[in-house]
Amino acid sequence: MSKPSNTKRPKPPLAEGGQAVRQHIAVVGAGMAGVACARTLVQAGHKVTLLENSRGLGGRMATRSTEFGSFDHGTQYFTVRDDRFEQALALNPGLVQAWKTSTVRVMDERGQTMASAQPPRETHWLPTPGMNAVVRAWAEPLGNGSLDATVHLNTRLDKLEPDALHPTQWQLRCETGDGGQLVLGGFDQVVLALPSPQASSLLKASGLAPEFQKALNQV
């Protein structure tokens, strides 16, 4: 989202020589889309704060650890249909492998095939050791201090509003996992990398962008 304004969206300010001014941008949601967005913004010279409601990274590419081992309880596999995505995955060799599936067959009482599932038409890919491995690898530079970024996990954004000290910027009212309140401010832009129902609920609670809410409700 751009800076608070009653007029149409302003263009990013430019410094001398036509270079875009460095901005502080909040990215809400640390799934694959949010982390890729945060990495791209930092590489473009901006400062980024990444917020995630869950205790870990991954979003719908979720892996959970238990006393009996780990298991994927979100997306089970993904496909690659874009050359840029393929190039991004190649940056971490060995991070994903092809899912070697067996065709499922339904047998009758005589042991003969009644129905057989068609083999997949395109390769299904699995990160190792779990589905969240890709997002964790991509997000590592954002949280280890090597890039100009800050990561807040277990932090739920409840309301988005104009900054109390700088009304042309945004501030985020959040709740932490232990029930504490956290207000983060000074953001020039806010990116919502969230599922449409969550994004719509947040905009509604913030009293913002009714046209976006309507569009999100149709997704």
N, C-alpha and C. Protein backbone atom coordinates (compact mmCIF):
# COMPACT_ATOMS: atom_id res chain seq x y z
N MET A 1 0.85 -1.18 0.00
CA MET A 1 0.00 0.00 0.00
C MET A 1 0.88 1.23 0.00
N SER A 2 0.47 2.26 -0.71
CA SER A 2 1.25 3.49 -0.78
C SER A 2 0.99 4.34 0.43
N LYS A 3 1.59 5.50 0.48
CA LYS A 3 1.43 6.41 1.60
C LYS A 3 -0.02 6.84 1.73
N PRO A 4 -0.50 7.11 2.98
CA PRO A 4 -1.88 7.55 3.16
C PRO A 4 -2.15 8.79 2.32
N SER A 5 -3.24 8.76 1.60
CA SER A 5 -3.57 9.87 0.74
C SER A 5 -5.01 9.76 0.29
N ASN A 6 -5.66 10.89 0.09
CA ASN A 6 -7.01 10.92 -0.44
C ASN A 6 -7.01 11.09 -1.95
N THR A 7 -5.84 11.24 -2.52
CA THR A 7 -5.71 11.38 -3.96
C THR A 7 -5.19 10.08 -4.53
N LYS A 8 -4.99 10.06 -5.83
CA LYS A 8 -4.51 8.83 -6.43
C LYS A 8 -3.07 8.54 -6.00
N ARG A 9 -2.70 7.28 -6.14
CA ARG A 9 -1.43 6.79 -5.60
C ARG A 9 -0.26 7.61 -6.13
N PRO A 10 0.60 8.14 -5.21
CA PRO A 10 1.73 8.93 -5.66
C PRO A 10 2.84 8.05 -6.21
N LYS A 11 3.63 8.60 -7.11
CA LYS A 11 4.78 7.88 -7.62
C LYS A 11 5.91 7.97 -6.60
N PRO A 12 6.78 6.93 -6.53
CA PRO A 12 7.90 6.99 -5.59
C PRO A 12 8.76 8.21 -5.86
N PRO A 13 9.21 8.91 -4.82
CA PRO A 13 10.05 10.09 -5.02
C PRO A 13 11.38 9.71 -5.66
N LEU A 14 11.92 10.61 -6.43
CA LEU A 14 13.18 10.38 -7.12
C LEU A 14 14.25 11.32 -6.61
N ALA A 15 15.46 10.81 -6.45
CA ALA A 15 16.60 11.63 -6.07
C ALA A 15 17.25 12.18 -7.33
N GLU A 16 18.33 12.91 -7.16
CA GLU A 16 19.05 13.46 -8.30
C GLU A 16 19.54 12.31 -9.18
N GLY A 17 19.41 12.51 -10.48
CA GLY A 17 19.82 11.47 -11.42
C GLY A 17 18.73 10.47 -11.74
N GLY A 18 17.52 10.69 -11.18
CA GLY A 18 16.40 9.82 -11.48
C GLY A 18 16.37 8.54 -10.69
N GLN A 19 17.23 8.39 -9.69
CA GLN A 19 17.24 7.18 -8.87
C GLN A 19 16.11 7.23 -7.84
N ALA A 20 15.46 6.10 -7.62
CA ALA A 20 14.39 6.03 -6.63
C ALA A 20 14.97 6.21 -5.23
N VAL A 21 14.26 6.95 -4.39
CA VAL A 21 14.68 7.18 -3.01
C VAL A 21 14.52 5.89 -2.21
N ARG A 22 15.49 5.59 -1.37
CA ARG A 22 15.43 4.41 -0.51
C ARG A 22 14.25 4.55 0.44
N GLN A 23 13.43 3.51 0.53
CA GLN A 23 12.24 3.54 1.37
C GLN A 23 12.28 2.43 2.42
N HIS A 24 11.49 2.62 3.47
CA HIS A 24 11.31 1.59 4.48
C HIS A 24 9.97 0.93 4.20
N ILE A 25 9.99 -0.36 3.89
CA ILE A 25 8.80 -1.06 3.43
C ILE A 25 8.50 -2.23 4.36
N ALA A 26 7.25 -2.35 4.78
CA ALA A 26 6.81 -3.49 5.58
C ALA A 26 6.20 -4.53 4.66
N VAL A 27 6.59 -5.77 4.82
CA VAL A 27 6.00 -6.88 4.09
C VAL A 27 5.32 -7.78 5.12
N VAL A 28 4.02 -7.96 4.98
CA VAL A 28 3.24 -8.72 5.95
C VAL A 28 2.93 -10.10 5.37
N GLY A 29 3.48 -11.12 5.99
CA GLY A 29 3.31 -12.49 5.50
C GLY A 29 4.64 -13.04 5.02
N ALA A 30 5.10 -14.13 5.67
CA ALA A 30 6.42 -14.70 5.34
C ALA A 30 6.29 -16.06 4.68
N GLY A 31 5.33 -16.16 3.74
CA GLY A 31 5.29 -17.33 2.88
C GLY A 31 6.25 -17.10 1.73
N MET A 32 6.14 -17.93 0.69
CA MET A 32 7.06 -17.81 -0.44
C MET A 32 6.95 -16.44 -1.10
N ALA A 33 5.73 -15.94 -1.30
CA ALA A 33 5.54 -14.64 -1.97
C ALA A 33 6.12 -13.51 -1.12
N GLY A 34 5.85 -13.52 0.19
CA GLY A 34 6.33 -12.46 1.06
C GLY A 34 7.84 -12.43 1.15
N VAL A 35 8.45 -13.59 1.31
CA VAL A 35 9.91 -13.65 1.42
C VAL A 35 10.58 -13.26 0.11
N ALA A 36 10.04 -13.74 -1.02
CA ALA A 36 10.61 -13.35 -2.32
C ALA A 36 10.49 -11.85 -2.53
N CYS A 37 9.35 -11.28 -2.12
CA CYS A 37 9.15 -9.83 -2.24
C CYS A 37 10.16 -9.08 -1.38
N ALA A 38 10.32 -9.53 -0.12
CA ALA A 38 11.26 -8.87 0.78
C ALA A 38 12.68 -8.92 0.24
N ARG A 39 13.10 -10.08 -0.25
CA ARG A 39 14.45 -10.20 -0.82
C ARG A 39 14.63 -9.25 -2.00
N THR A 40 13.63 -9.19 -2.88
CA THR A 40 13.74 -8.34 -4.07
C THR A 40 13.83 -6.86 -3.68
N LEU A 41 13.03 -6.44 -2.69
CA LEU A 41 13.06 -5.04 -2.25
C LEU A 41 14.40 -4.67 -1.63
N VAL A 42 14.95 -5.55 -0.82
CA VAL A 42 16.26 -5.28 -0.21
C VAL A 42 17.33 -5.19 -1.28
N GLN A 43 17.29 -6.09 -2.24
CA GLN A 43 18.28 -6.07 -3.32
C GLN A 43 18.15 -4.82 -4.17
N ALA A 44 16.95 -4.20 -4.18
CA ALA A 44 16.74 -2.96 -4.92
C ALA A 44 17.17 -1.74 -4.11
N GLY A 45 17.66 -1.96 -2.87
CA GLY A 45 18.19 -0.86 -2.08
C GLY A 45 17.28 -0.34 -0.99
N HIS A 46 16.17 -1.02 -0.74
CA HIS A 46 15.24 -0.55 0.29
C HIS A 46 15.46 -1.28 1.62
N LYS A 47 14.98 -0.67 2.68
CA LYS A 47 14.98 -1.30 4.01
C LYS A 47 13.65 -2.02 4.18
N VAL A 48 13.68 -3.23 4.72
CA VAL A 48 12.47 -4.04 4.80
C VAL A 48 12.27 -4.58 6.21
N THR A 49 11.01 -4.54 6.66
CA THR A 49 10.60 -5.22 7.88
C THR A 49 9.58 -6.28 7.49
N LEU A 50 9.87 -7.53 7.82
CA LEU A 50 9.02 -8.67 7.46
C LEU A 50 8.30 -9.16 8.71
N LEU A 51 6.96 -9.23 8.64
CA LEU A 51 6.15 -9.68 9.76
C LEU A 51 5.45 -10.99 9.41
N GLU A 52 5.39 -11.90 10.40
CA GLU A 52 4.73 -13.18 10.21
C GLU A 52 3.96 -13.55 11.47
N ASN A 53 2.71 -13.94 11.28
CA ASN A 53 1.84 -14.29 12.40
C ASN A 53 2.27 -15.60 13.06
N SER A 54 2.78 -16.53 12.29
CA SER A 54 3.16 -17.84 12.81
C SER A 54 4.53 -17.79 13.49
N ARG A 55 4.88 -18.90 14.13
CA ARG A 55 6.16 -18.98 14.81
C ARG A 55 7.31 -19.26 13.86
N GLY A 56 6.99 -19.67 12.63
CA GLY A 56 8.03 -19.98 11.67
C GLY A 56 7.70 -19.46 10.28
N LEU A 57 8.66 -19.56 9.41
CA LEU A 57 8.51 -19.10 8.03
C LEU A 57 7.89 -20.20 7.18
N GLY A 58 7.28 -19.80 6.08
CA GLY A 58 6.78 -20.80 5.13
C GLY A 58 5.38 -20.57 4.64
N GLY A 59 4.50 -19.98 5.49
CA GLY A 59 3.12 -19.77 5.06
C GLY A 59 2.43 -21.10 4.78
N ARG A 60 1.88 -21.24 3.59
CA ARG A 60 1.19 -22.48 3.24
C ARG A 60 2.15 -23.62 2.92
N MET A 61 3.43 -23.30 2.75
CA MET A 61 4.44 -24.35 2.62
C MET A 61 4.93 -24.67 4.03
N ALA A 62 4.08 -25.34 4.78
CA ALA A 62 4.28 -25.48 6.22
C ALA A 62 4.77 -26.87 6.59
N THR A 63 5.73 -26.91 7.51
CA THR A 63 6.25 -28.14 8.07
C THR A 63 6.20 -28.04 9.59
N ARG A 64 5.74 -29.08 10.23
CA ARG A 64 5.62 -29.06 11.70
C ARG A 64 6.47 -30.18 12.29
N SER A 65 7.20 -29.85 13.35
CA SER A 65 8.02 -30.83 14.06
C SER A 65 7.28 -31.33 15.29
N THR A 66 7.32 -32.65 15.50
CA THR A 66 6.69 -33.25 16.67
C THR A 66 7.68 -34.23 17.30
N GLU A 67 7.31 -34.81 18.42
CA GLU A 67 8.16 -35.81 19.06
C GLU A 67 8.30 -37.07 18.23
N PHE A 68 7.42 -37.25 17.24
CA PHE A 68 7.47 -38.42 16.37
C PHE A 68 8.16 -38.12 15.04
N GLY A 69 8.63 -36.90 14.87
CA GLY A 69 9.26 -36.49 13.62
C GLY A 69 8.54 -35.29 13.03
N SER A 70 8.90 -34.91 11.83
CA SER A 70 8.29 -33.76 11.18
C SER A 70 7.37 -34.21 10.05
N PHE A 71 6.39 -33.36 9.73
CA PHE A 71 5.48 -33.66 8.62
C PHE A 71 4.99 -32.36 8.01
N ASP A 72 4.63 -32.44 6.74
CA ASP A 72 4.11 -31.27 6.02
C ASP A 72 2.59 -31.22 6.20
N HIS A 73 2.10 -30.11 6.73
CA HIS A 73 0.66 -30.00 6.94
C HIS A 73 0.05 -28.87 6.12
N GLY A 74 0.79 -28.41 5.13
CA GLY A 74 0.27 -27.41 4.20
C GLY A 74 0.36 -27.96 2.79
N THR A 75 0.95 -27.20 1.90
CA THR A 75 1.15 -27.64 0.52
C THR A 75 1.98 -28.92 0.48
N GLN A 76 1.58 -29.85 -0.36
CA GLN A 76 2.26 -31.15 -0.42
C GLN A 76 3.36 -31.20 -1.48
N TYR A 77 3.30 -30.34 -2.47
CA TYR A 77 4.32 -30.28 -3.52
C TYR A 77 4.09 -28.99 -4.30
N PHE A 78 5.03 -28.66 -5.18
CA PHE A 78 4.80 -27.53 -6.08
C PHE A 78 5.34 -27.87 -7.46
N THR A 79 4.92 -27.11 -8.45
CA THR A 79 5.38 -27.29 -9.82
C THR A 79 6.15 -26.04 -10.24
N VAL A 80 6.93 -26.17 -11.29
CA VAL A 80 7.74 -25.05 -11.80
C VAL A 80 7.31 -24.76 -13.22
N ARG A 81 6.72 -23.58 -13.43
CA ARG A 81 6.21 -23.22 -14.76
C ARG A 81 6.80 -21.90 -15.26
N ASP A 82 7.78 -21.39 -14.57
CA ASP A 82 8.35 -20.10 -14.93
C ASP A 82 9.87 -20.22 -14.87
N ASP A 83 10.54 -19.74 -15.91
CA ASP A 83 12.01 -19.83 -15.96
C ASP A 83 12.66 -19.10 -14.79
N ARG A 84 12.06 -17.98 -14.36
CA ARG A 84 12.66 -17.22 -13.26
C ARG A 84 12.58 -18.00 -11.95
N PHE A 85 11.48 -18.72 -11.75
CA PHE A 85 11.34 -19.55 -10.57
C PHE A 85 12.38 -20.67 -10.59
N GLU A 86 12.58 -21.25 -11.75
CA GLU A 86 13.57 -22.31 -11.90
C GLU A 86 14.97 -21.78 -11.58
N GLN A 87 15.28 -20.57 -12.03
CA GLN A 87 16.58 -19.97 -11.76
C GLN A 87 16.76 -19.69 -10.27
N ALA A 88 15.67 -19.26 -9.61
CA ALA A 88 15.75 -18.98 -8.18
C ALA A 88 16.01 -20.27 -7.40
N LEU A 89 15.36 -21.35 -7.78
CA LEU A 89 15.58 -22.63 -7.10
C LEU A 89 17.00 -23.14 -7.31
N ALA A 90 17.58 -22.81 -8.46
CA ALA A 90 18.94 -23.28 -8.77
C ALA A 90 19.99 -22.61 -7.89
N LEU A 91 19.63 -21.53 -7.20
CA LEU A 91 20.58 -20.86 -6.32
C LEU A 91 20.92 -21.72 -5.11
N ASN A 92 20.07 -22.67 -4.78
CA ASN A 92 20.30 -23.57 -3.65
C ASN A 92 20.27 -25.02 -4.14
N PRO A 93 21.35 -25.49 -4.77
CA PRO A 93 21.36 -26.85 -5.34
C PRO A 93 21.07 -27.90 -4.26
N GLY A 94 20.28 -28.88 -4.63
CA GLY A 94 19.96 -29.96 -3.72
C GLY A 94 18.84 -29.66 -2.75
N LEU A 95 18.27 -28.46 -2.84
CA LEU A 95 17.22 -28.09 -1.90
C LEU A 95 15.88 -28.74 -2.24
N VAL A 96 15.66 -29.05 -3.53
CA VAL A 96 14.41 -29.68 -3.94
C VAL A 96 14.72 -30.94 -4.74
N GLN A 97 13.77 -31.86 -4.72
CA GLN A 97 13.91 -33.08 -5.50
C GLN A 97 12.57 -33.45 -6.11
N ALA A 98 12.61 -34.19 -7.20
CA ALA A 98 11.37 -34.62 -7.86
C ALA A 98 10.64 -35.63 -6.98
N TRP A 99 9.33 -35.49 -6.90
CA TRP A 99 8.49 -36.40 -6.13
C TRP A 99 8.22 -37.62 -7.00
N LYS A 100 8.77 -38.75 -6.58
CA LYS A 100 8.60 -40.00 -7.34
C LYS A 100 7.33 -40.70 -6.86
N THR A 101 6.24 -40.41 -7.55
CA THR A 101 4.95 -40.95 -7.15
C THR A 101 4.66 -42.27 -7.85
N SER A 102 3.89 -43.10 -7.20
CA SER A 102 3.41 -44.34 -7.81
C SER A 102 1.95 -44.16 -8.21
N THR A 103 1.58 -44.74 -9.33
CA THR A 103 0.20 -44.64 -9.78
C THR A 103 -0.72 -45.42 -8.83
N VAL A 104 -1.80 -44.78 -8.40
CA VAL A 104 -2.75 -45.42 -7.50
C VAL A 104 -3.72 -46.26 -8.32
N ARG A 105 -3.90 -47.52 -7.90
CA ARG A 105 -4.84 -48.40 -8.59
C ARG A 105 -5.88 -48.93 -7.61
N VAL A 106 -7.11 -49.04 -8.06
CA VAL A 106 -8.19 -49.60 -7.25
C VAL A 106 -8.48 -51.01 -7.77
N MET A 107 -8.39 -51.98 -6.87
CA MET A 107 -8.55 -53.38 -7.26
C MET A 107 -9.93 -53.90 -6.85
N ASP A 108 -10.46 -54.84 -7.63
CA ASP A 108 -11.70 -55.49 -7.24
C ASP A 108 -11.40 -56.73 -6.40
N GLU A 109 -12.45 -57.50 -6.04
CA GLU A 109 -12.26 -58.65 -5.16
C GLU A 109 -11.45 -59.76 -5.81
N ARG A 110 -11.30 -59.72 -7.13
CA ARG A 110 -10.51 -60.73 -7.83
C ARG A 110 -9.08 -60.27 -8.08
N GLY A 111 -8.77 -59.06 -7.57
CA GLY A 111 -7.41 -58.56 -7.73
C GLY A 111 -7.14 -57.91 -9.05
N GLN A 112 -8.19 -57.61 -9.80
CA GLN A 112 -8.03 -56.95 -11.09
C GLN A 112 -8.28 -55.45 -10.95
N THR A 113 -7.62 -54.67 -11.78
CA THR A 113 -7.70 -53.22 -11.69
C THR A 113 -9.07 -52.71 -12.12
N MET A 114 -9.73 -51.97 -11.24
CA MET A 114 -11.00 -51.34 -11.57
C MET A 114 -10.80 -49.93 -12.09
N ALA A 115 -9.84 -49.22 -11.51
CA ALA A 115 -9.56 -47.84 -11.90
C ALA A 115 -8.10 -47.55 -11.61
N SER A 116 -7.53 -46.65 -12.39
CA SER A 116 -6.12 -46.30 -12.22
C SER A 116 -5.95 -44.81 -12.43
N ALA A 117 -5.27 -44.17 -11.48
CA ALA A 117 -5.03 -42.72 -11.60
C ALA A 117 -4.03 -42.44 -12.70
N GLN A 118 -4.24 -41.36 -13.39
CA GLN A 118 -3.32 -40.96 -14.44
C GLN A 118 -2.03 -40.41 -13.81
N PRO A 119 -0.88 -40.71 -14.39
CA PRO A 119 0.38 -40.16 -13.86
C PRO A 119 0.37 -38.64 -14.03
N PRO A 120 1.09 -37.91 -13.16
CA PRO A 120 1.11 -36.44 -13.27
C PRO A 120 1.67 -35.99 -14.60
N ARG A 121 1.11 -34.90 -15.14
CA ARG A 121 1.55 -34.39 -16.44
C ARG A 121 2.81 -33.55 -16.33
N GLU A 122 3.11 -33.06 -15.14
CA GLU A 122 4.31 -32.27 -14.94
C GLU A 122 4.97 -32.70 -13.63
N THR A 123 6.25 -32.40 -13.51
CA THR A 123 7.01 -32.84 -12.34
C THR A 123 6.51 -32.16 -11.08
N HIS A 124 6.31 -32.96 -10.04
CA HIS A 124 6.00 -32.44 -8.72
C HIS A 124 7.31 -32.36 -7.92
N TRP A 125 7.55 -31.19 -7.29
CA TRP A 125 8.81 -30.97 -6.59
C TRP A 125 8.59 -30.91 -5.09
N LEU A 126 9.55 -31.46 -4.35
CA LEU A 126 9.51 -31.46 -2.89
C LEU A 126 10.80 -30.86 -2.35
N PRO A 127 10.72 -29.85 -1.48
CA PRO A 127 11.92 -29.39 -0.79
C PRO A 127 12.33 -30.42 0.27
N THR A 128 13.59 -30.43 0.62
CA THR A 128 14.07 -31.33 1.67
C THR A 128 14.79 -30.52 2.76
N PRO A 129 14.57 -30.84 4.04
CA PRO A 129 13.85 -32.02 4.53
C PRO A 129 12.34 -31.83 4.63
N GLY A 130 11.81 -30.61 4.47
CA GLY A 130 10.38 -30.36 4.55
C GLY A 130 9.98 -29.26 3.60
N MET A 131 8.66 -29.06 3.44
CA MET A 131 8.16 -28.09 2.47
C MET A 131 8.61 -26.66 2.75
N ASN A 132 8.86 -26.33 4.01
CA ASN A 132 9.25 -24.95 4.32
C ASN A 132 10.73 -24.68 4.08
N ALA A 133 11.48 -25.68 3.61
CA ALA A 133 12.92 -25.53 3.46
C ALA A 133 13.29 -24.44 2.45
N VAL A 134 12.53 -24.31 1.36
CA VAL A 134 12.83 -23.29 0.35
C VAL A 134 12.68 -21.90 0.94
N VAL A 135 11.57 -21.66 1.61
CA VAL A 135 11.32 -20.33 2.18
C VAL A 135 12.33 -20.02 3.27
N ARG A 136 12.67 -20.99 4.09
CA ARG A 136 13.66 -20.77 5.14
C ARG A 136 15.02 -20.40 4.56
N ALA A 137 15.40 -21.06 3.48
CA ALA A 137 16.69 -20.77 2.84
C ALA A 137 16.69 -19.37 2.24
N TRP A 138 15.61 -19.01 1.57
CA TRP A 138 15.53 -17.69 0.96
C TRP A 138 15.49 -16.59 2.03
N ALA A 139 14.89 -16.89 3.18
CA ALA A 139 14.72 -15.86 4.21
C ALA A 139 15.94 -15.71 5.12
N GLU A 140 16.85 -16.66 5.07
CA GLU A 140 17.99 -16.63 6.01
C GLU A 140 18.76 -15.31 5.97
N PRO A 141 19.09 -14.75 4.79
CA PRO A 141 19.83 -13.48 4.78
C PRO A 141 19.02 -12.30 5.35
N LEU A 142 17.68 -12.45 5.38
CA LEU A 142 16.86 -11.36 5.91
C LEU A 142 16.94 -11.29 7.43
N GLY A 143 17.22 -12.42 8.06
CA GLY A 143 17.20 -12.44 9.53
C GLY A 143 18.55 -12.59 10.19
N ASN A 144 19.62 -12.79 9.40
CA ASN A 144 20.92 -13.00 10.02
C ASN A 144 21.80 -11.77 10.05
N GLY A 145 21.24 -10.62 9.64
CA GLY A 145 22.00 -9.37 9.71
C GLY A 145 22.81 -9.05 8.48
N SER A 146 22.84 -9.93 7.48
CA SER A 146 23.64 -9.67 6.29
C SER A 146 22.94 -8.71 5.32
N LEU A 147 21.62 -8.54 5.47
CA LEU A 147 20.87 -7.60 4.64
C LEU A 147 20.17 -6.59 5.54
N ASP A 148 19.77 -5.47 4.94
CA ASP A 148 19.10 -4.41 5.71
C ASP A 148 17.64 -4.78 5.89
N ALA A 149 17.40 -5.74 6.78
CA ALA A 149 16.04 -6.24 6.98
C ALA A 149 15.89 -6.71 8.42
N THR A 150 14.63 -6.66 8.89
CA THR A 150 14.28 -7.14 10.22
C THR A 150 13.11 -8.10 10.08
N VAL A 151 13.14 -9.21 10.81
CA VAL A 151 12.08 -10.20 10.75
C VAL A 151 11.41 -10.30 12.12
N HIS A 152 10.07 -10.18 12.14
CA HIS A 152 9.28 -10.34 13.37
C HIS A 152 8.38 -11.56 13.18
N LEU A 153 8.69 -12.66 13.88
CA LEU A 153 7.84 -13.84 13.85
C LEU A 153 6.87 -13.80 15.02
N ASN A 154 5.83 -14.64 14.93
CA ASN A 154 4.84 -14.72 16.00
C ASN A 154 4.27 -13.33 16.32
N THR A 155 4.06 -12.55 15.27
CA THR A 155 3.58 -11.17 15.41
C THR A 155 2.40 -10.96 14.46
N ARG A 156 1.22 -10.73 15.03
CA ARG A 156 0.01 -10.58 14.22
C ARG A 156 -0.31 -9.10 14.03
N LEU A 157 -0.49 -8.70 12.77
CA LEU A 157 -0.88 -7.33 12.46
C LEU A 157 -2.39 -7.19 12.62
N ASP A 158 -2.81 -6.30 13.53
CA ASP A 158 -4.23 -6.10 13.79
C ASP A 158 -4.81 -4.89 13.06
N LYS A 159 -3.97 -3.86 12.86
CA LYS A 159 -4.49 -2.63 12.27
C LYS A 159 -3.37 -1.87 11.58
N LEU A 160 -3.72 -1.32 10.44
CA LEU A 160 -2.82 -0.50 9.65
C LEU A 160 -3.37 0.92 9.63
N GLU A 161 -2.53 1.91 9.99
CA GLU A 161 -3.03 3.28 10.12
C GLU A 161 -1.91 4.28 9.84
N PRO A 162 -2.27 5.56 9.59
CA PRO A 162 -1.23 6.59 9.41
C PRO A 162 -0.36 6.69 10.65
N ASP A 163 0.93 6.92 10.44
CA ASP A 163 1.87 7.04 11.54
C ASP A 163 1.52 8.24 12.41
N ALA A 164 1.55 8.05 13.73
CA ALA A 164 1.16 9.11 14.67
C ALA A 164 2.10 10.32 14.58
N LEU A 165 3.38 10.08 14.30
CA LEU A 165 4.35 11.18 14.24
C LEU A 165 4.56 11.69 12.83
N HIS A 166 4.39 10.83 11.85
CA HIS A 166 4.61 11.22 10.45
C HIS A 166 3.41 10.74 9.64
N PRO A 167 2.35 11.55 9.54
CA PRO A 167 1.09 11.12 8.91
C PRO A 167 1.20 10.70 7.45
N THR A 168 2.30 11.04 6.79
CA THR A 168 2.45 10.60 5.40
C THR A 168 3.01 9.19 5.32
N GLN A 169 3.31 8.58 6.48
CA GLN A 169 3.80 7.21 6.52
C GLN A 169 2.80 6.32 7.25
N TRP A 170 3.11 5.02 7.31
CA TRP A 170 2.23 4.06 7.95
C TRP A 170 2.79 3.58 9.28
N GLN A 171 1.90 3.19 10.19
CA GLN A 171 2.30 2.46 11.37
C GLN A 171 1.43 1.22 11.52
N LEU A 172 2.00 0.19 12.13
CA LEU A 172 1.34 -1.11 12.25
C LEU A 172 1.11 -1.43 13.72
N ARG A 173 -0.14 -1.69 14.07
CA ARG A 173 -0.47 -2.11 15.44
C ARG A 173 -0.53 -3.64 15.46
N CYS A 174 0.32 -4.24 16.28
CA CYS A 174 0.48 -5.69 16.26
C CYS A 174 0.29 -6.27 17.66
N GLU A 175 0.04 -7.58 17.68
CA GLU A 175 0.01 -8.34 18.92
C GLU A 175 1.03 -9.45 18.82
N THR A 176 1.88 -9.58 19.85
CA THR A 176 2.91 -10.60 19.85
C THR A 176 2.35 -11.91 20.41
N GLY A 177 3.11 -12.96 20.26
CA GLY A 177 2.64 -14.27 20.67
C GLY A 177 2.37 -14.40 22.15
N ASP A 178 3.02 -13.58 22.98
CA ASP A 178 2.78 -13.64 24.42
C ASP A 178 1.68 -12.68 24.87
N GLY A 179 0.95 -12.11 23.90
CA GLY A 179 -0.16 -11.21 24.23
C GLY A 179 0.24 -9.76 24.36
N GLY A 180 1.50 -9.43 24.13
CA GLY A 180 1.95 -8.05 24.22
C GLY A 180 1.55 -7.23 23.01
N GLN A 181 1.58 -5.93 23.17
CA GLN A 181 1.23 -5.01 22.09
C GLN A 181 2.51 -4.40 21.51
N LEU A 182 2.54 -4.27 20.21
CA LEU A 182 3.72 -3.74 19.52
C LEU A 182 3.26 -2.79 18.43
N VAL A 183 3.83 -1.59 18.41
CA VAL A 183 3.53 -0.61 17.37
C VAL A 183 4.82 -0.33 16.60
N LEU A 184 4.78 -0.58 15.31
CA LEU A 184 5.92 -0.33 14.44
C LEU A 184 5.54 0.79 13.47
N GLY A 185 6.39 1.78 13.33
CA GLY A 185 6.05 2.92 12.48
C GLY A 185 7.14 3.31 11.52
N GLY A 186 6.84 4.35 10.74
CA GLY A 186 7.81 4.90 9.82
C GLY A 186 7.91 4.18 8.49
N PHE A 187 6.83 3.53 8.05
CA PHE A 187 6.87 2.78 6.79
C PHE A 187 6.34 3.63 5.63
N ASP A 188 7.10 3.66 4.56
CA ASP A 188 6.67 4.39 3.36
C ASP A 188 5.66 3.59 2.55
N GLN A 189 5.80 2.28 2.58
CA GLN A 189 4.90 1.40 1.85
C GLN A 189 4.63 0.16 2.70
N VAL A 190 3.48 -0.48 2.45
CA VAL A 190 3.15 -1.74 3.11
C VAL A 190 2.68 -2.72 2.05
N VAL A 191 3.26 -3.90 2.05
CA VAL A 191 2.87 -4.96 1.12
C VAL A 191 2.16 -6.06 1.92
N LEU A 192 0.96 -6.43 1.51
CA LEU A 192 0.22 -7.51 2.17
C LEU A 192 0.37 -8.78 1.35
N ALA A 193 1.26 -9.66 1.79
CA ALA A 193 1.47 -10.94 1.13
C ALA A 193 0.70 -12.00 1.91
N LEU A 194 -0.63 -11.86 1.90
CA LEU A 194 -1.51 -12.68 2.72
C LEU A 194 -2.58 -13.35 1.86
N PRO A 195 -3.16 -14.45 2.33
CA PRO A 195 -4.33 -15.00 1.65
C PRO A 195 -5.44 -13.95 1.61
N SER A 196 -6.26 -13.98 0.57
CA SER A 196 -7.25 -12.92 0.37
C SER A 196 -8.19 -12.72 1.56
N PRO A 197 -8.69 -13.77 2.27
CA PRO A 197 -9.57 -13.51 3.41
C PRO A 197 -8.88 -12.72 4.51
N GLN A 198 -7.61 -13.03 4.78
CA GLN A 198 -6.88 -12.31 5.82
C GLN A 198 -6.62 -10.87 5.41
N ALA A 199 -6.25 -10.65 4.16
CA ALA A 199 -6.00 -9.29 3.68
C ALA A 199 -7.27 -8.46 3.74
N SER A 200 -8.40 -9.06 3.33
CA SER A 200 -9.67 -8.35 3.36
C SER A 200 -10.06 -7.98 4.79
N SER A 201 -9.90 -8.91 5.74
CA SER A 201 -10.25 -8.64 7.14
C SER A 201 -9.38 -7.53 7.72
N LEU A 202 -8.09 -7.52 7.37
CA LEU A 202 -7.19 -6.49 7.87
C LEU A 202 -7.58 -5.12 7.34
N LEU A 203 -7.88 -5.03 6.05
CA LEU A 203 -8.28 -3.74 5.46
C LEU A 203 -9.59 -3.26 6.07
N LYS A 204 -10.51 -4.18 6.33
CA LYS A 204 -11.78 -3.82 6.95
C LYS A 204 -11.57 -3.28 8.36
N ALA A 205 -10.74 -3.97 9.16
CA ALA A 205 -10.46 -3.53 10.52
C ALA A 205 -9.74 -2.18 10.54
N SER A 206 -9.01 -1.89 9.47
CA SER A 206 -8.26 -0.64 9.39
C SER A 206 -9.07 0.47 8.74
N GLY A 207 -10.26 0.15 8.21
CA GLY A 207 -11.08 1.16 7.53
C GLY A 207 -10.43 1.67 6.27
N LEU A 208 -9.78 0.78 5.53
CA LEU A 208 -9.02 1.20 4.35
C LEU A 208 -9.50 0.47 3.09
N ALA A 209 -9.33 1.12 1.98
CA ALA A 209 -9.44 0.54 0.63
C ALA A 209 -10.66 -0.35 0.45
N PRO A 210 -11.88 0.19 0.55
CA PRO A 210 -13.08 -0.65 0.34
C PRO A 210 -13.11 -1.29 -1.04
N GLU A 211 -12.53 -0.63 -2.04
CA GLU A 211 -12.53 -1.23 -3.37
C GLU A 211 -11.66 -2.48 -3.41
N PHE A 212 -10.55 -2.48 -2.64
CA PHE A 212 -9.71 -3.67 -2.56
C PHE A 212 -10.43 -4.78 -1.81
N GLN A 213 -11.16 -4.41 -0.75
CA GLN A 213 -11.90 -5.41 0.01
C GLN A 213 -12.90 -6.13 -0.88
N LYS A 214 -13.61 -5.38 -1.70
CA LYS A 214 -14.59 -5.96 -2.59
C LYS A 214 -13.94 -6.93 -3.57
N ALA A 215 -12.80 -6.51 -4.11
CA ALA A 215 -12.10 -7.36 -5.07
C ALA A 215 -11.56 -8.62 -4.39
N LEU A 216 -11.05 -8.47 -3.17
CA LEU A 216 -10.51 -9.63 -2.45
C LEU A 216 -11.59 -10.64 -2.09
N ASN A 217 -12.77 -10.14 -1.78
CA ASN A 217 -13.88 -11.03 -1.42
C ASN A 217 -14.34 -11.89 -2.58
N GLN A 218 -13.97 -11.52 -3.79
CA GLN A 218 -14.35 -12.28 -4.97
C GLN A 218 -13.32 -13.32 -5.37
N VAL A 219 -12.17 -13.30 -4.65
CA VAL A 219 -11.09 -14.25 -4.98
C VAL A 219 -11.46 -15.65 -4.49
